[in-house]
Amino acid sequence: MRKIVVFNSLTLDGVMQAPARPDEDRRDGFEHGGWATPYATMDAADGSMDSSGAILLGRRTYEDFYSVWPNRTDENPFTAVLNNTQKYVASTTFSEPLPWMNSTLLRGDAAEAVTKLKEGQGKDIVILGSGVLVQSLMRHALIDAYVLLIHPLVLGSGRRLFPNSGAFAALRLVSTKATSTGVVIATYQPKEEGR
């Protein structure tokens, strides 16, 4: 059985909006885009995604990634991985064929489609970004692990991975690692019922 693993960058106050670029996501007048860039280190992702075989994205994150990664020509370790890895996209507004290579649209209810993916054979499936999708899957207890790159930064505003109106989750800390730039990589799993 495959696992669903959330892999996201967050600030200390839980903001996940627009970590990579200043113009990445200006919804609600967000002015702090690109906040994670000064903290980027190669050791942040070291080994954290080794067991992944596919990526799961919501519509907005898929569109943003597609606008950037297929066009990158610089030497970086992420372009080939993102282009060549199987991508599953949860969207009620998209239709096939999807424009980015190795992309499959999940039809119907996202929770039902992800349940079927989990029941299949293969490596784990990683969710990048996609906060609305993460919250939806949390409500159905479909998240198996959270790898959170917690940045030493408080923004005071922005969309959060765990909003005030979000789903409840009792988690247990599995591991932590601090990077040379002060980012804490914390891995959590849902607590087993009854504990």
C-alpha atoms as a PDB file:
ATOM      1  CA  MET A   1       0.000   0.000   0.000  1.00  0.00           C
ATOM      2  CA  ARG A   2       1.325   3.421  -0.916  1.00  0.00           C
ATOM      3  CA  LYS A   3       1.581   6.298   1.528  1.00  0.00           C
ATOM      4  CA  ILE A   4       0.599   9.918   0.997  1.00  0.00           C
ATOM      5  CA  VAL A   5       3.318  12.253   2.290  1.00  0.00           C
ATOM      6  CA  VAL A   6       2.934  16.032   2.584  1.00  0.00           C
ATOM      7  CA  PHE A   7       6.257  17.795   1.887  1.00  0.00           C
ATOM      8  CA  ASN A   8       5.968  21.556   2.431  1.00  0.00           C
ATOM      9  CA  SER A   9       7.879  24.640   3.482  1.00  0.00           C
ATOM     10  CA  LEU A  10       6.313  26.687   6.284  1.00  0.00           C
ATOM     11  CA  THR A  11       7.158  29.732   8.351  1.00  0.00           C
ATOM     12  CA  LEU A  12       7.022  29.548  12.140  1.00  0.00           C
ATOM     13  CA  ASP A  13       3.505  30.984  11.978  1.00  0.00           C
ATOM     14  CA  GLY A  14       2.434  28.310   9.487  1.00  0.00           C
ATOM     15  CA  VAL A  15       2.420  30.321   6.243  1.00  0.00           C
ATOM     16  CA  MET A  16       2.985  28.237   3.119  1.00  0.00           C
ATOM     17  CA  GLN A  17       1.995  30.811   0.502  1.00  0.00           C
ATOM     18  CA  ALA A  18       4.541  31.737  -2.202  1.00  0.00           C
ATOM     19  CA  PRO A  19       7.780  30.412  -0.715  1.00  0.00           C
ATOM     20  CA  ALA A  20       9.800  30.453  -3.943  1.00  0.00           C
ATOM     21  CA  ARG A  21       9.227  33.656  -5.935  1.00  0.00           C
ATOM     22  CA  PRO A  22       8.090  37.227  -5.217  1.00  0.00           C
ATOM     23  CA  ASP A  23       5.300  36.964  -7.825  1.00  0.00           C
ATOM     24  CA  GLU A  24       4.359  33.351  -7.122  1.00  0.00           C
ATOM     25  CA  ASP A  25       1.028  33.927  -5.380  1.00  0.00           C
ATOM     26  CA  ARG A  26      -0.264  37.414  -4.619  1.00  0.00           C
ATOM     27  CA  ARG A  27      -3.751  36.361  -3.500  1.00  0.00           C
ATOM     28  CA  ASP A  28      -5.208  38.510  -0.733  1.00  0.00           C
ATOM     29  CA  GLY A  29      -2.490  41.131  -1.346  1.00  0.00           C
ATOM     30  CA  PHE A  30       0.307  38.835  -0.128  1.00  0.00           C
ATOM     31  CA  GLU A  31       3.585  40.777  -0.328  1.00  0.00           C
ATOM     32  CA  HIS A  32       6.119  38.335   1.126  1.00  0.00           C
ATOM     33  CA  GLY A  33       6.605  36.021  -1.869  1.00  0.00           C
ATOM     34  CA  GLY A  34       9.961  34.277  -2.069  1.00  0.00           C
ATOM     35  CA  TRP A  35      10.399  34.107   1.698  1.00  0.00           C
ATOM     36  CA  ALA A  36      12.052  30.646   1.647  1.00  0.00           C
ATOM     37  CA  THR A  37      14.739  31.512  -0.906  1.00  0.00           C
ATOM     38  CA  PRO A  38      17.284  32.991   1.552  1.00  0.00           C
ATOM     39  CA  TYR A  39      17.117  29.774   3.601  1.00  0.00           C
ATOM     40  CA  ALA A  40      17.442  27.320   0.722  1.00  0.00           C
ATOM     41  CA  THR A  41      20.063  24.651   1.195  1.00  0.00           C
ATOM     42  CA  MET A  42      20.599  21.345  -0.548  1.00  0.00           C
ATOM     43  CA  ASP A  43      20.516  19.538   2.784  1.00  0.00           C
ATOM     44  CA  ALA A  44      16.855  20.548   3.239  1.00  0.00           C
ATOM     45  CA  ALA A  45      15.613  17.838   0.892  1.00  0.00           C
ATOM     46  CA  ASP A  46      18.436  15.365   1.498  1.00  0.00           C
ATOM     47  CA  GLY A  47      16.870  11.916   1.760  1.00  0.00           C
ATOM     48  CA  SER A  48      13.431  13.242   2.628  1.00  0.00           C
ATOM     49  CA  MET A  49      11.846  12.249  -0.686  1.00  0.00           C
ATOM     50  CA  ASP A  50      13.836   9.064  -1.417  1.00  0.00           C
ATOM     51  CA  SER A  51      10.825   6.771  -1.152  1.00  0.00           C
ATOM     52  CA  SER A  52       8.563   8.833  -3.422  1.00  0.00           C
ATOM     53  CA  GLY A  53       7.428   7.566  -6.780  1.00  0.00           C
ATOM     54  CA  ALA A  54       4.833  10.147  -7.761  1.00  0.00           C
ATOM     55  CA  ILE A  55       3.716  13.679  -6.980  1.00  0.00           C
ATOM     56  CA  LEU A  56       0.176  14.724  -6.102  1.00  0.00           C
ATOM     57  CA  LEU A  57      -0.805  18.331  -6.808  1.00  0.00           C
ATOM     58  CA  GLY A  58      -3.844  20.538  -6.583  1.00  0.00           C
ATOM     59  CA  ARG A  59      -4.837  22.667  -9.575  1.00  0.00           C
ATOM     60  CA  ARG A  60      -3.216  25.913  -8.453  1.00  0.00           C
ATOM     61  CA  THR A  61       0.122  24.309  -7.547  1.00  0.00           C
ATOM     62  CA  TYR A  62       0.139  22.307 -10.782  1.00  0.00           C
ATOM     63  CA  GLU A  63      -0.414  25.459 -12.848  1.00  0.00           C
ATOM     64  CA  ASP A  64       2.327  27.306 -10.983  1.00  0.00           C
ATOM     65  CA  PHE A  65       4.837  24.448 -11.275  1.00  0.00           C
ATOM     66  CA  TYR A  66       4.022  24.000 -14.969  1.00  0.00           C
ATOM     67  CA  SER A  67       4.656  27.696 -15.611  1.00  0.00           C
ATOM     68  CA  VAL A  68       8.183  27.338 -14.208  1.00  0.00           C
ATOM     69  CA  TRP A  69       9.766  23.874 -14.253  1.00  0.00           C
ATOM     70  CA  PRO A  70       9.403  22.615 -17.842  1.00  0.00           C
ATOM     71  CA  ASN A  71      11.102  25.820 -19.048  1.00  0.00           C
ATOM     72  CA  ARG A  72      14.110  25.742 -16.697  1.00  0.00           C
ATOM     73  CA  THR A  73      17.400  25.274 -18.523  1.00  0.00           C
ATOM     74  CA  ASP A  74      19.801  25.933 -15.650  1.00  0.00           C
ATOM     75  CA  GLU A  75      21.641  23.179 -13.830  1.00  0.00           C
ATOM     76  CA  ASN A  76      19.565  22.224 -10.814  1.00  0.00           C
ATOM     77  CA  PRO A  77      18.552  18.897  -9.315  1.00  0.00           C
ATOM     78  CA  PHE A  78      14.800  19.526  -9.451  1.00  0.00           C
ATOM     79  CA  THR A  79      13.898  20.149 -13.107  1.00  0.00           C
ATOM     80  CA  ALA A  80      14.490  16.599 -14.319  1.00  0.00           C
ATOM     81  CA  VAL A  81      12.807  15.095 -11.265  1.00  0.00           C
ATOM     82  CA  LEU A  82       9.689  17.255 -11.580  1.00  0.00           C
ATOM     83  CA  ASN A  83       9.447  16.779 -15.345  1.00  0.00           C
ATOM     84  CA  ASN A  84      10.008  13.013 -15.317  1.00  0.00           C
ATOM     85  CA  THR A  85       8.081  12.000 -12.208  1.00  0.00           C
ATOM     86  CA  GLN A  86       4.467  10.892 -12.558  1.00  0.00           C
ATOM     87  CA  LYS A  87       2.180  13.733 -11.496  1.00  0.00           C
ATOM     88  CA  TYR A  88      -1.414  13.209 -10.335  1.00  0.00           C
ATOM     89  CA  VAL A  89      -3.569  16.327 -10.416  1.00  0.00           C
ATOM     90  CA  ALA A  90      -6.734  16.850  -8.368  1.00  0.00           C
ATOM     91  CA  SER A  91      -8.955  19.334 -10.180  1.00  0.00           C
ATOM     92  CA  THR A  92     -12.610  19.719 -11.046  1.00  0.00           C
ATOM     93  CA  THR A  93     -11.900  22.347 -13.706  1.00  0.00           C
ATOM     94  CA  PHE A  94      -9.155  20.691 -15.782  1.00  0.00           C
ATOM     95  CA  SER A  95      -9.731  18.300 -18.651  1.00  0.00           C
ATOM     96  CA  GLU A  96      -7.291  15.944 -20.328  1.00  0.00           C
ATOM     97  CA  PRO A  97      -4.840  15.975 -21.875  1.00  0.00           C
ATOM     98  CA  LEU A  98      -2.872  17.921 -19.290  1.00  0.00           C
ATOM     99  CA  PRO A  99      -0.033  20.004 -20.751  1.00  0.00           C
ATOM    100  CA  TRP A 100       2.892  18.811 -18.616  1.00  0.00           C
ATOM    101  CA  MET A 101       4.514  15.471 -19.427  1.00  0.00           C
ATOM    102  CA  ASN A 102       3.702  12.548 -17.116  1.00  0.00           C
ATOM    103  CA  SER A 103       0.545  14.213 -15.757  1.00  0.00           C
ATOM    104  CA  THR A 104      -2.692  12.387 -15.002  1.00  0.00           C
ATOM    105  CA  LEU A 105      -5.953  14.046 -14.037  1.00  0.00           C
ATOM    106  CA  LEU A 106      -7.730  12.456 -11.077  1.00  0.00           C
ATOM    107  CA  ARG A 107     -11.371  12.146 -12.023  1.00  0.00           C
ATOM    108  CA  GLY A 108     -14.267  12.592  -9.622  1.00  0.00           C
ATOM    109  CA  ASP A 109     -13.929  13.108  -5.893  1.00  0.00           C
ATOM    110  CA  ALA A 110     -10.302  13.732  -4.872  1.00  0.00           C
ATOM    111  CA  ALA A 111     -10.556  11.687  -1.657  1.00  0.00           C
ATOM    112  CA  GLU A 112     -11.934   8.675  -3.530  1.00  0.00           C
ATOM    113  CA  ALA A 113      -9.305   8.972  -6.260  1.00  0.00           C
ATOM    114  CA  VAL A 114      -6.478   9.267  -3.717  1.00  0.00           C
ATOM    115  CA  THR A 115      -7.827   6.273  -1.792  1.00  0.00           C
ATOM    116  CA  LYS A 116      -7.529   4.219  -4.995  1.00  0.00           C
ATOM    117  CA  LEU A 117      -3.983   5.510  -5.563  1.00  0.00           C
ATOM    118  CA  LYS A 118      -3.022   4.486  -2.024  1.00  0.00           C
ATOM    119  CA  GLU A 119      -4.357   0.978  -2.602  1.00  0.00           C
ATOM    120  CA  GLY A 120      -2.113   0.536  -5.641  1.00  0.00           C
ATOM    121  CA  GLN A 121       1.408  -0.792  -5.794  1.00  0.00           C
ATOM    122  CA  GLY A 122       4.488   1.393  -5.952  1.00  0.00           C
ATOM    123  CA  LYS A 123       6.422   3.986  -4.031  1.00  0.00           C
ATOM    124  CA  ASP A 124       4.903   6.697  -1.860  1.00  0.00           C
ATOM    125  CA  ILE A 125       3.124   9.721  -3.322  1.00  0.00           C
ATOM    126  CA  VAL A 126       4.305  13.181  -2.235  1.00  0.00           C
ATOM    127  CA  ILE A 127       2.097  16.268  -2.074  1.00  0.00           C
ATOM    128  CA  LEU A 128       3.935  19.523  -2.751  1.00  0.00           C
ATOM    129  CA  GLY A 129       2.188  22.812  -1.924  1.00  0.00           C
ATOM    130  CA  SER A 130      -1.526  22.240  -2.569  1.00  0.00           C
ATOM    131  CA  GLY A 131      -2.874  23.433   0.784  1.00  0.00           C
ATOM    132  CA  VAL A 132      -6.559  23.083  -0.154  1.00  0.00           C
ATOM    133  CA  LEU A 133      -5.955  19.511  -1.302  1.00  0.00           C
ATOM    134  CA  VAL A 134      -4.010  18.685   1.874  1.00  0.00           C
ATOM    135  CA  GLN A 135      -6.897  19.943   4.032  1.00  0.00           C
ATOM    136  CA  SER A 136      -9.393  17.911   2.004  1.00  0.00           C
ATOM    137  CA  LEU A 137      -7.350  14.734   2.394  1.00  0.00           C
ATOM    138  CA  MET A 138      -6.822  15.391   6.111  1.00  0.00           C
ATOM    139  CA  ARG A 139     -10.594  15.412   6.610  1.00  0.00           C
ATOM    140  CA  HIS A 140     -10.640  11.885   5.188  1.00  0.00           C
ATOM    141  CA  ALA A 141      -7.590  10.679   7.196  1.00  0.00           C
ATOM    142  CA  LEU A 142      -5.631  10.033   3.994  1.00  0.00           C
ATOM    143  CA  ILE A 143      -2.326  11.693   4.966  1.00  0.00           C
ATOM    144  CA  ASP A 144       0.285   9.238   6.238  1.00  0.00           C
ATOM    145  CA  ALA A 145       3.145  11.637   6.988  1.00  0.00           C
ATOM    146  CA  TYR A 146       4.050  15.317   7.027  1.00  0.00           C
ATOM    147  CA  VAL A 147       7.594  16.439   6.216  1.00  0.00           C
ATOM    148  CA  LEU A 148       7.579  20.105   7.175  1.00  0.00           C
ATOM    149  CA  LEU A 149      10.481  22.421   6.427  1.00  0.00           C
ATOM    150  CA  ILE A 150       9.933  25.001   9.150  1.00  0.00           C
ATOM    151  CA  HIS A 151      11.728  28.262   8.388  1.00  0.00           C
ATOM    152  CA  PRO A 152      12.922  30.646  11.135  1.00  0.00           C
ATOM    153  CA  LEU A 153      10.630  33.406   9.965  1.00  0.00           C
ATOM    154  CA  VAL A 154       7.308  34.926  11.080  1.00  0.00           C
ATOM    155  CA  LEU A 155       5.330  36.681   8.329  1.00  0.00           C
ATOM    156  CA  GLY A 156       2.165  37.604  10.195  1.00  0.00           C
ATOM    157  CA  SER A 157      -0.028  37.083   7.137  1.00  0.00           C
ATOM    158  CA  GLY A 158      -0.526  34.644   4.306  1.00  0.00           C
ATOM    159  CA  ARG A 159      -2.262  31.383   3.579  1.00  0.00           C
ATOM    160  CA  ARG A 160      -1.453  28.682   6.086  1.00  0.00           C
ATOM    161  CA  LEU A 161      -1.166  24.948   5.650  1.00  0.00           C
ATOM    162  CA  PHE A 162      -3.250  24.504   8.800  1.00  0.00           C
ATOM    163  CA  PRO A 163      -5.844  27.316   8.775  1.00  0.00           C
ATOM    164  CA  ASN A 164      -8.163  28.167  11.658  1.00  0.00           C
ATOM    165  CA  SER A 165     -11.039  26.383   9.943  1.00  0.00           C
ATOM    166  CA  GLY A 166      -8.929  23.346   8.996  1.00  0.00           C
ATOM    167  CA  ALA A 167      -9.191  19.677   9.844  1.00  0.00           C
ATOM    168  CA  PHE A 168      -8.107  18.253  13.199  1.00  0.00           C
ATOM    169  CA  ALA A 169      -5.029  16.011  13.296  1.00  0.00           C
ATOM    170  CA  ALA A 170      -3.224  14.493  16.267  1.00  0.00           C
ATOM    171  CA  LEU A 171       0.360  13.873  15.213  1.00  0.00           C
ATOM    172  CA  ARG A 172       3.496  12.312  16.648  1.00  0.00           C
ATOM    173  CA  LEU A 173       6.997  13.547  15.904  1.00  0.00           C
ATOM    174  CA  VAL A 174       9.056  10.907  14.080  1.00  0.00           C
ATOM    175  CA  SER A 175      12.272  12.817  13.385  1.00  0.00           C
ATOM    176  CA  THR A 176      13.864  16.258  13.256  1.00  0.00           C
ATOM    177  CA  LYS A 177      16.895  17.701  11.542  1.00  0.00           C
ATOM    178  CA  ALA A 178      18.217  21.248  11.471  1.00  0.00           C
ATOM    179  CA  THR A 179      19.854  22.631   8.337  1.00  0.00           C
ATOM    180  CA  SER A 180      22.812  24.977   8.232  1.00  0.00           C
ATOM    181  CA  THR A 181      20.419  27.900   7.559  1.00  0.00           C
ATOM    182  CA  GLY A 182      18.206  27.236  10.585  1.00  0.00           C
ATOM    183  CA  VAL A 183      15.396  25.407   8.803  1.00  0.00           C
ATOM    184  CA  VAL A 184      14.027  22.573  10.923  1.00  0.00           C
ATOM    185  CA  ILE A 185      12.852  19.540   8.989  1.00  0.00           C
ATOM    186  CA  ALA A 186      10.218  17.896  11.162  1.00  0.00           C
ATOM    187  CA  THR A 187       8.565  14.648  10.160  1.00  0.00           C
ATOM    188  CA  TYR A 188       5.227  13.791  11.727  1.00  0.00           C
ATOM    189  CA  GLN A 189       2.825  10.879  11.412  1.00  0.00           C
ATOM    190  CA  PRO A 190      -0.780  10.679  12.559  1.00  0.00           C
ATOM    191  CA  LYS A 191      -1.135   9.141  16.008  1.00  0.00           C
ATOM    192  CA  GLU A 192      -2.776   5.762  16.024  1.00  0.00           C
ATOM    193  CA  GLU A 193      -6.298   5.815  17.388  1.00  0.00           C
ATOM    194  CA  GLY A 194      -6.516   4.936  21.026  1.00  0.00           C
ATOM    195  CA  ARG A 195      -3.136   6.429  21.920  1.00  0.00           C
END
